[in-house]
PDB file of N, CA and C in Angstrom:
ATOM      1  N   UNK A   1      -3.252  33.228  -8.881  1.00  0.00           N
ATOM      2  CA  UNK A   1      -3.466  31.673  -8.963  1.00  0.00           C
ATOM      3  C   UNK A   1      -4.883  31.406  -9.090  1.00  0.00           C
ATOM      4  N   UNK A   2      -4.942  30.615 -10.232  1.00  0.00           N
ATOM      5  CA  UNK A   2      -6.497  30.542 -10.765  1.00  0.00           C
ATOM      6  C   UNK A   2      -6.880  29.111  -9.514  1.00  0.00           C
ATOM      7  N   UNK A   3      -8.143  29.801  -9.127  1.00  0.00           N
ATOM      8  CA  UNK A   3      -9.093  28.953  -8.766  1.00  0.00           C
ATOM      9  C   UNK A   3     -10.142  28.252  -9.453  1.00  0.00           C
ATOM     10  N   UNK A   4     -10.537  26.952  -9.575  1.00  0.00           N
ATOM     11  CA  UNK A   4     -12.024  25.905 -10.314  1.00  0.00           C
ATOM     12  C   UNK A   4     -12.344  25.448  -8.868  1.00  0.00           C
ATOM     13  N   UNK A   5     -13.507  24.709  -9.270  1.00  0.00           N
ATOM     14  CA  UNK A   5     -14.241  23.469  -8.409  1.00  0.00           C
ATOM     15  C   UNK A   5     -14.143  22.502  -8.482  1.00  0.00           C
ATOM     16  N   UNK A   6     -12.764  21.790  -9.733  1.00  0.00           N
ATOM     17  CA  UNK A   6     -12.544  21.008 -10.391  1.00  0.00           C
ATOM     18  C   UNK A   6     -12.292  20.106  -9.287  1.00  0.00           C
ATOM     19  N   UNK A   7     -12.382  18.691  -9.692  1.00  0.00           N
ATOM     20  CA  UNK A   7     -11.479  17.613  -8.049  1.00  0.00           C
ATOM     21  C   UNK A   7     -10.738  16.841  -9.071  1.00  0.00           C
ATOM     22  N   UNK A   8      -9.792  17.142  -8.602  1.00  0.00           N
ATOM     23  CA  UNK A   8      -8.482  16.373  -9.738  1.00  0.00           C
ATOM     24  C   UNK A   8      -7.791  15.020  -8.984  1.00  0.00           C
ATOM     25  N   UNK A   9      -7.928  15.283  -7.570  1.00  0.00           N
ATOM     26  CA  UNK A   9      -7.724  14.084  -6.802  1.00  0.00           C
ATOM     27  C   UNK A   9      -8.457  13.586  -5.637  1.00  0.00           C
ATOM     28  N   UNK A  10      -8.715  13.170  -4.785  1.00  0.00           N
ATOM     29  CA  UNK A  10     -10.120  12.812  -3.422  1.00  0.00           C
ATOM     30  C   UNK A  10      -9.010  11.382  -2.716  1.00  0.00           C
ATOM     31  N   UNK A  11      -8.311  11.698  -1.832  1.00  0.00           N
ATOM     32  CA  UNK A  11      -7.569  10.674  -0.702  1.00  0.00           C
ATOM     33  C   UNK A  11      -8.787  10.234   0.294  1.00  0.00           C
ATOM     34  N   UNK A  12      -8.660   8.655   0.610  1.00  0.00           N
ATOM     35  CA  UNK A  12      -9.253   8.577   2.031  1.00  0.00           C
ATOM     36  C   UNK A  12      -8.580   7.384   2.676  1.00  0.00           C
ATOM     37  N   UNK A  13      -8.223   8.121   3.654  1.00  0.00           N
ATOM     38  CA  UNK A  13      -8.076   6.868   4.741  1.00  0.00           C
ATOM     39  C   UNK A  13      -8.701   6.262   5.963  1.00  0.00           C
ATOM     40  N   UNK A  14      -7.962   4.970   5.954  1.00  0.00           N
ATOM     41  CA  UNK A  14      -8.690   4.430   7.347  1.00  0.00           C
ATOM     42  C   UNK A  14      -8.822   5.586   8.566  1.00  0.00           C
ATOM     43  N   UNK A  15      -9.760   5.684   9.334  1.00  0.00           N
ATOM     44  CA  UNK A  15      -9.618   6.697  10.469  1.00  0.00           C
ATOM     45  C   UNK A  15      -8.585   5.643  11.661  1.00  0.00           C
ATOM     46  N   UNK A  16      -8.948   4.090  11.987  1.00  0.00           N
ATOM     47  CA  UNK A  16      -8.650   4.069  13.264  1.00  0.00           C
ATOM     48  C   UNK A  16      -7.996   2.132  12.541  1.00  0.00           C
ATOM     49  N   UNK A  17      -7.500   1.858  13.099  1.00  0.00           N
ATOM     50  CA  UNK A  17      -7.453  -0.038  12.810  1.00  0.00           C
ATOM     51  C   UNK A  17      -8.278  -0.603  13.035  1.00  0.00           C
ATOM     52  N   UNK A  18      -8.566  -1.619  12.568  1.00  0.00           N
ATOM     53  CA  UNK A  18      -9.137  -2.699  11.906  1.00  0.00           C
ATOM     54  C   UNK A  18      -8.774  -3.791  12.437  1.00  0.00           C
ATOM     55  N   UNK A  19      -8.619  -4.238  14.058  1.00  0.00           N
ATOM     56  CA  UNK A  19      -7.763  -5.592  14.720  1.00  0.00           C
ATOM     57  C   UNK A  19      -9.368  -6.736  13.964  1.00  0.00           C
ATOM     58  N   UNK A  20      -9.868  -6.254  14.174  1.00  0.00           N
ATOM     59  CA  UNK A  20     -10.626  -7.936  13.572  1.00  0.00           C
ATOM     60  C   UNK A  20      -9.700  -8.901  12.210  1.00  0.00           C
ATOM     61  N   UNK A  21      -9.299  -7.677  11.525  1.00  0.00           N
ATOM     62  CA  UNK A  21      -9.263  -7.907  10.036  1.00  0.00           C
ATOM     63  C   UNK A  21      -7.228  -7.586  10.556  1.00  0.00           C
ATOM     64  N   UNK A  22      -7.023  -7.591  11.132  1.00  0.00           N
ATOM     65  CA  UNK A  22      -5.252  -6.950  11.737  1.00  0.00           C
ATOM     66  C   UNK A  22      -4.960  -5.740  10.622  1.00  0.00           C
ATOM     67  N   UNK A  23      -5.811  -4.624  10.003  1.00  0.00           N
ATOM     68  CA  UNK A  23      -5.312  -4.141   9.294  1.00  0.00           C
ATOM     69  C   UNK A  23      -5.274  -2.308   9.819  1.00  0.00           C
ATOM     70  N   UNK A  24      -4.083  -2.483   9.600  1.00  0.00           N
ATOM     71  CA  UNK A  24      -3.523  -0.666  10.792  1.00  0.00           C
ATOM     72  C   UNK A  24      -3.361   0.657   9.870  1.00  0.00           C
ATOM     73  N   UNK A  25      -3.282   0.401   8.843  1.00  0.00           N
ATOM     74  CA  UNK A  25      -3.354   1.300   7.551  1.00  0.00           C
ATOM     75  C   UNK A  25      -4.054   1.132   6.475  1.00  0.00           C
ATOM     76  N   UNK A  26      -4.033   2.193   5.740  1.00  0.00           N
ATOM     77  CA  UNK A  26      -5.234   1.517   4.311  1.00  0.00           C
ATOM     78  C   UNK A  26      -5.609   3.132   4.071  1.00  0.00           C
ATOM     79  N   UNK A  27      -4.715   3.831   2.581  1.00  0.00           N
ATOM     80  CA  UNK A  27      -5.213   4.577   1.859  1.00  0.00           C
ATOM     81  C   UNK A  27      -5.337   4.527   0.834  1.00  0.00           C
ATOM     82  N   UNK A  28      -5.659   5.492  -0.075  1.00  0.00           N
ATOM     83  CA  UNK A  28      -6.796   5.862  -1.255  1.00  0.00           C
ATOM     84  C   UNK A  28      -6.397   6.453  -2.115  1.00  0.00           C
ATOM     85  N   UNK A  29      -6.540   6.933  -2.892  1.00  0.00           N
ATOM     86  CA  UNK A  29      -5.872   8.380  -4.159  1.00  0.00           C
ATOM     87  C   UNK A  29      -6.637   7.638  -5.363  1.00  0.00           C
ATOM     88  N   UNK A  30      -7.624   9.047  -5.599  1.00  0.00           N
ATOM     89  CA  UNK A  30      -8.438   8.479  -6.932  1.00  0.00           C
ATOM     90  C   UNK A  30      -8.336   9.579  -7.752  1.00  0.00           C
ATOM     91  N   UNK A  31      -7.353   9.504  -8.726  1.00  0.00           N
ATOM     92  CA  UNK A  31      -7.135  10.775  -9.315  1.00  0.00           C
ATOM     93  C   UNK A  31      -7.957  10.406 -10.877  1.00  0.00           C
ATOM     94  N   UNK A  32      -8.187  11.766 -11.014  1.00  0.00           N
ATOM     95  CA  UNK A  32      -9.473  12.389 -12.157  1.00  0.00           C
ATOM     96  C   UNK A  32      -8.813  12.923 -13.039  1.00  0.00           C
ATOM     97  N   UNK A  33      -9.137  12.916 -14.485  1.00  0.00           N
ATOM     98  CA  UNK A  33      -8.757  13.539 -15.767  1.00  0.00           C
ATOM     99  C   UNK A  33     -10.111  13.836 -16.451  1.00  0.00           C
ATOM    100  N   UNK A  34      -9.833  15.286 -17.094  1.00  0.00           N
ATOM    101  CA  UNK A  34     -11.309  15.282 -18.195  1.00  0.00           C
ATOM    102  C   UNK A  34     -11.396  14.561 -18.921  1.00  0.00           C
ATOM    103  N   UNK A  35     -12.450  13.492 -19.645  1.00  0.00           N
ATOM    104  CA  UNK A  35     -12.782  13.069 -20.621  1.00  0.00           C
ATOM    105  C   UNK A  35     -13.941  13.666 -21.806  1.00  0.00           C
ATOM    106  N   UNK A  36     -12.968  14.189 -22.931  1.00  0.00           N
ATOM    107  CA  UNK A  36     -13.964  14.130 -23.861  1.00  0.00           C
ATOM    108  C   UNK A  36     -15.295  12.972 -24.745  1.00  0.00           C
ATOM    109  N   UNK A  37     -16.217  13.054 -24.597  1.00  0.00           N
ATOM    110  CA  UNK A  37     -17.350  12.192 -25.018  1.00  0.00           C
ATOM    111  C   UNK A  37     -17.591  12.542 -26.312  1.00  0.00           C
ATOM    112  N   UNK A  38     -17.024  11.897 -27.035  1.00  0.00           N
ATOM    113  CA  UNK A  38     -17.560  12.347 -28.821  1.00  0.00           C
ATOM    114  C   UNK A  38     -18.610  11.974 -29.179  1.00  0.00           C
ATOM    115  N   UNK A  39     -19.506  13.010 -30.209  1.00  0.00           N
ATOM    116  CA  UNK A  39     -20.413  13.266 -30.680  1.00  0.00           C
ATOM    117  C   UNK A  39     -21.734  13.787 -29.468  1.00  0.00           C
ATOM    118  N   UNK A  40     -21.332  13.745 -28.042  1.00  0.00           N
ATOM    119  CA  UNK A  40     -22.145  14.600 -27.406  1.00  0.00           C
ATOM    120  C   UNK A  40     -21.170  16.424 -26.825  1.00  0.00           C
ATOM    121  N   UNK A  41     -20.193  16.534 -27.471  1.00  0.00           N
ATOM    122  CA  UNK A  41     -19.677  17.826 -26.625  1.00  0.00           C
ATOM    123  C   UNK A  41     -19.424  17.713 -25.534  1.00  0.00           C
ATOM    124  N   UNK A  42     -19.375  16.714 -24.730  1.00  0.00           N
ATOM    125  CA  UNK A  42     -19.341  16.750 -23.167  1.00  0.00           C
ATOM    126  C   UNK A  42     -18.334  16.850 -22.452  1.00  0.00           C
ATOM    127  N   UNK A  43     -17.883  17.280 -21.950  1.00  0.00           N
ATOM    128  CA  UNK A  43     -16.569  16.769 -20.838  1.00  0.00           C
ATOM    129  C   UNK A  43     -16.814  16.709 -19.394  1.00  0.00           C
ATOM    130  N   UNK A  44     -16.449  15.394 -19.204  1.00  0.00           N
ATOM    131  CA  UNK A  44     -16.775  13.972 -18.130  1.00  0.00           C
ATOM    132  C   UNK A  44     -15.357  14.467 -17.149  1.00  0.00           C
ATOM    133  N   UNK A  45     -15.481  14.875 -15.245  1.00  0.00           N
ATOM    134  CA  UNK A  45     -13.737  14.104 -14.645  1.00  0.00           C
ATOM    135  C   UNK A  45     -14.509  12.770 -14.402  1.00  0.00           C
ATOM    136  N   UNK A  46     -13.388  12.053 -15.378  1.00  0.00           N
ATOM    137  CA  UNK A  46     -13.988  10.713 -14.506  1.00  0.00           C
ATOM    138  C   UNK A  46     -12.057  10.102 -13.855  1.00  0.00           C
ATOM    139  N   UNK A  47     -12.262   8.970 -13.357  1.00  0.00           N
ATOM    140  CA  UNK A  47     -11.117   8.484 -12.982  1.00  0.00           C
ATOM    141  C   UNK A  47     -10.120   7.743 -13.894  1.00  0.00           C
ATOM    142  N   UNK A  48      -8.938   8.215 -13.465  1.00  0.00           N
ATOM    143  CA  UNK A  48      -7.827   8.149 -14.483  1.00  0.00           C
ATOM    144  C   UNK A  48      -6.889   7.017 -13.644  1.00  0.00           C
ATOM    145  N   UNK A  49      -6.977   7.417 -12.564  1.00  0.00           N
ATOM    146  CA  UNK A  49      -5.829   6.833 -11.200  1.00  0.00           C
ATOM    147  C   UNK A  49      -6.779   5.987 -10.685  1.00  0.00           C
ATOM    148  N   UNK A  50      -5.919   5.400  -9.946  1.00  0.00           N
ATOM    149  CA  UNK A  50      -6.596   5.041  -8.412  1.00  0.00           C
ATOM    150  C   UNK A  50      -4.918   3.972  -7.130  1.00  0.00           C
ATOM    151  N   UNK A  51      -4.455   5.136  -6.216  1.00  0.00           N
ATOM    152  CA  UNK A  51      -3.478   4.248  -6.112  1.00  0.00           C
ATOM    153  C   UNK A  51      -3.979   3.971  -4.843  1.00  0.00           C
ATOM    154  N   UNK A  52      -2.987   2.860  -4.389  1.00  0.00           N
ATOM    155  CA  UNK A  52      -4.017   2.019  -3.062  1.00  0.00           C
ATOM    156  C   UNK A  52      -2.365   2.092  -1.671  1.00  0.00           C
ATOM    157  N   UNK A  53      -2.515   2.429  -0.967  1.00  0.00           N
ATOM    158  CA  UNK A  53      -1.298   1.256   0.158  1.00  0.00           C
ATOM    159  C   UNK A  53      -1.677   0.594   1.207  1.00  0.00           C
ATOM    160  N   UNK A  54      -1.606  -0.168   1.660  1.00  0.00           N
ATOM    161  CA  UNK A  54      -2.313  -0.580   2.694  1.00  0.00           C
ATOM    162  C   UNK A  54      -0.958  -1.180   3.593  1.00  0.00           C
ATOM    163  N   UNK A  55      -1.016  -1.749   5.203  1.00  0.00           N
ATOM    164  CA  UNK A  55      -0.425  -2.290   6.005  1.00  0.00           C
ATOM    165  C   UNK A  55      -1.087  -2.686   6.875  1.00  0.00           C
ATOM    166  N   UNK A  56      -0.971  -4.288   7.349  1.00  0.00           N
ATOM    167  CA  UNK A  56      -1.737  -5.301   8.123  1.00  0.00           C
ATOM    168  C   UNK A  56      -0.277  -5.229   9.230  1.00  0.00           C
ATOM    169  N   UNK A  57      -1.035  -6.427   9.901  1.00  0.00           N
ATOM    170  CA  UNK A  57       0.055  -6.796  11.171  1.00  0.00           C
ATOM    171  C   UNK A  57       1.532  -7.429  10.635  1.00  0.00           C
ATOM    172  N   UNK A  58       1.661  -8.018   9.590  1.00  0.00           N
ATOM    173  CA  UNK A  58       2.533  -8.599   9.226  1.00  0.00           C
ATOM    174  C   UNK A  58       2.350  -8.017   7.909  1.00  0.00           C
ATOM    175  N   UNK A  59       1.999  -7.646   6.584  1.00  0.00           N
ATOM    176  CA  UNK A  59       2.348  -7.624   5.238  1.00  0.00           C
ATOM    177  C   UNK A  59       1.819  -5.755   5.473  1.00  0.00           C
ATOM    178  N   UNK A  60       3.177  -4.990   3.964  1.00  0.00           N
ATOM    179  CA  UNK A  60       2.567  -3.759   3.958  1.00  0.00           C
ATOM    180  C   UNK A  60       2.314  -4.160   2.204  1.00  0.00           C
ATOM    181  N   UNK A  61       1.805  -3.077   1.203  1.00  0.00           N
ATOM    182  CA  UNK A  61       1.660  -3.296   0.163  1.00  0.00           C
ATOM    183  C   UNK A  61       0.502  -2.192  -0.335  1.00  0.00           C
ATOM    184  N   UNK A  62       0.892  -2.145  -1.753  1.00  0.00           N
ATOM    185  CA  UNK A  62       0.645  -0.923  -3.054  1.00  0.00           C
ATOM    186  C   UNK A  62       0.509  -1.473  -4.268  1.00  0.00           C
ATOM    187  N   UNK A  63      -0.949  -1.459  -4.536  1.00  0.00           N
ATOM    188  CA  UNK A  63      -1.210  -1.185  -6.199  1.00  0.00           C
ATOM    189  C   UNK A  63      -1.752   0.005  -6.866  1.00  0.00           C
ATOM    190  N   UNK A  64      -1.606   0.242  -8.170  1.00  0.00           N
ATOM    191  CA  UNK A  64      -1.735   0.886  -8.626  1.00  0.00           C
ATOM    192  C   UNK A  64      -2.732   0.798  -9.924  1.00  0.00           C
ATOM    193  N   UNK A  65      -3.762   1.007 -10.222  1.00  0.00           N
ATOM    194  CA  UNK A  65      -4.777   0.567 -11.350  1.00  0.00           C
ATOM    195  C   UNK A  65      -5.229   2.105 -12.165  1.00  0.00           C
ATOM    196  N   UNK A  66      -4.410   2.048 -13.793  1.00  0.00           N
ATOM    197  CA  UNK A  66      -4.731   3.352 -14.624  1.00  0.00           C
ATOM    198  C   UNK A  66      -6.575   3.029 -15.835  1.00  0.00           C
ATOM    199  N   UNK A  67      -7.090   3.473 -15.908  1.00  0.00           N
ATOM    200  CA  UNK A  67      -8.311   3.943 -16.031  1.00  0.00           C
ATOM    201  C   UNK A  67      -7.871   4.681 -17.555  1.00  0.00           C
ATOM    202  N   UNK A  68      -8.110   4.269 -18.924  1.00  0.00           N
ATOM    203  CA  UNK A  68      -8.350   5.221 -19.667  1.00  0.00           C
ATOM    204  C   UNK A  68      -9.616   4.196 -21.273  1.00  0.00           C
ATOM    205  N   UNK A  69      -9.367   5.001 -21.986  1.00  0.00           N
ATOM    206  CA  UNK A  69     -10.355   4.606 -23.198  1.00  0.00           C
ATOM    207  C   UNK A  69     -11.862   4.408 -23.455  1.00  0.00           C
ATOM    208  N   UNK A  70     -12.152   5.516 -22.672  1.00  0.00           N
ATOM    209  CA  UNK A  70     -13.149   5.092 -21.945  1.00  0.00           C
ATOM    210  C   UNK A  70     -14.573   5.745 -23.408  1.00  0.00           C
ATOM    211  N   UNK A  71     -15.696   4.209 -23.310  1.00  0.00           N
ATOM    212  CA  UNK A  71     -16.362   4.722 -24.108  1.00  0.00           C
ATOM    213  C   UNK A  71     -17.767   4.968 -23.820  1.00  0.00           C
ATOM    214  N   UNK A  72     -18.551   5.453 -24.674  1.00  0.00           N
ATOM    215  CA  UNK A  72     -20.063   5.824 -23.954  1.00  0.00           C
ATOM    216  C   UNK A  72     -20.797   4.557 -25.111  1.00  0.00           C
ATOM    217  N   UNK A  73     -21.987   3.848 -23.495  1.00  0.00           N
ATOM    218  CA  UNK A  73     -23.133   2.985 -24.287  1.00  0.00           C
ATOM    219  C   UNK A  73     -24.552   3.849 -24.181  1.00  0.00           C
ATOM    220  N   UNK A  74     -25.252   3.438 -24.540  1.00  0.00           N
ATOM    221  CA  UNK A  74     -26.910   3.401 -24.511  1.00  0.00           C
ATOM    222  C   UNK A  74     -27.439   2.514 -24.894  1.00  0.00           C
ATOM    223  N   UNK A  75     -28.677   2.586 -24.181  1.00  0.00           N
ATOM    224  CA  UNK A  75     -29.698   1.531 -24.314  1.00  0.00           C
ATOM    225  C   UNK A  75     -30.603   1.800 -23.791  1.00  0.00           C
ATOM    226  N   UNK A  76     -32.224   0.691 -24.518  1.00  0.00           N
ATOM    227  CA  UNK A  76     -33.423   1.747 -24.362  1.00  0.00           C
ATOM    228  C   UNK A  76     -34.023   0.294 -23.686  1.00  0.00           C
ATOM    229  N   UNK A  77     -34.997   0.301 -22.579  1.00  0.00           N
ATOM    230  CA  UNK A  77     -35.854  -0.599 -22.322  1.00  0.00           C
ATOM    231  C   UNK A  77     -37.236  -0.361 -22.097  1.00  0.00           C
ATOM    232  N   UNK A  78     -38.113  -1.219 -22.386  1.00  0.00           N
ATOM    233  CA  UNK A  78     -39.608  -0.447 -21.974  1.00  0.00           C
ATOM    234  C   UNK A  78     -39.759  -1.691 -21.385  1.00  0.00           C
ATOM    235  N   UNK A  79     -40.880  -1.432 -20.350  1.00  0.00           N
ATOM    236  CA  UNK A  79     -41.909  -2.458 -19.215  1.00  0.00           C
ATOM    237  C   UNK A  79     -42.828  -2.674 -19.653  1.00  0.00           C
ATOM    238  N   UNK A  80     -42.971  -4.062 -20.205  1.00  0.00           N
ATOM    239  CA  UNK A  80     -44.462  -4.288 -20.316  1.00  0.00           C
ATOM    240  C   UNK A  80     -45.247  -5.161 -19.492  1.00  0.00           C
ATOM    241  N   UNK A  81     -46.823  -4.934 -19.388  1.00  0.00           N
ATOM    242  CA  UNK A  81     -47.220  -5.615 -18.498  1.00  0.00           C
ATOM    243  C   UNK A  81     -47.303  -7.047 -18.468  1.00  0.00           C
ATOM    244  N   UNK A  82     -47.833  -7.640 -17.504  1.00  0.00           N
ATOM    245  CA  UNK A  82     -47.808  -9.143 -17.105  1.00  0.00           C
ATOM    246  C   UNK A  82     -48.202  -9.722 -17.889  1.00  0.00           C
ATOM    247  N   UNK A  83     -49.533  -8.765 -18.631  1.00  0.00           N
ATOM    248  CA  UNK A  83     -49.693  -9.833 -19.947  1.00  0.00           C
ATOM    249  C   UNK A  83     -49.090 -10.108 -21.550  1.00  0.00           C
ATOM    250  N   UNK A  84     -47.900  -9.126 -21.232  1.00  0.00           N
ATOM    251  CA  UNK A  84     -47.360  -9.181 -22.522  1.00  0.00           C
ATOM    252  C   UNK A  84     -46.216  -9.582 -22.212  1.00  0.00           C
ATOM    253  N   UNK A  85     -45.502 -10.099 -21.308  1.00  0.00           N
ATOM    254  CA  UNK A  85     -44.084 -10.684 -20.913  1.00  0.00           C
ATOM    255  C   UNK A  85     -44.366 -11.772 -21.387  1.00  0.00           C
ATOM    256  N   UNK A  86     -43.031 -11.570 -22.289  1.00  0.00           N
ATOM    257  CA  UNK A  86     -42.597 -13.521 -22.616  1.00  0.00           C
ATOM    258  C   UNK A  86     -42.796 -14.421 -21.214  1.00  0.00           C
ATOM    259  N   UNK A  87     -43.057 -15.805 -21.556  1.00  0.00           N
ATOM    260  CA  UNK A  87     -43.442 -17.031 -20.738  1.00  0.00           C
ATOM    261  C   UNK A  87     -41.915 -17.214 -19.859  1.00  0.00           C
ATOM    262  N   UNK A  88     -41.823 -17.583 -19.190  1.00  0.00           N
ATOM    263  CA  UNK A  88     -40.469 -18.370 -19.093  1.00  0.00           C
ATOM    264  C   UNK A  88     -40.597 -19.885 -18.915  1.00  0.00           C
TER     265      UNK A  88
END
């Protein structure tokens, strides 16, 4: 058996009901996948899917969200002293 410390999914659960909003159960499972960042020779584990289920006093439901096509953005900034700041 191969053992690594890669995080491939992370479940979260509501520990106790929230009577104020009638929420009895809430569970999310976040699944990660490896993503290669072009140009940087970088491999990151980023979210690929989130599954959420819930139960209230009157309703139950589930949602799935999928993430893909990650892109890298870069920006620069500089901080100017008040004397050089553009006027508003």
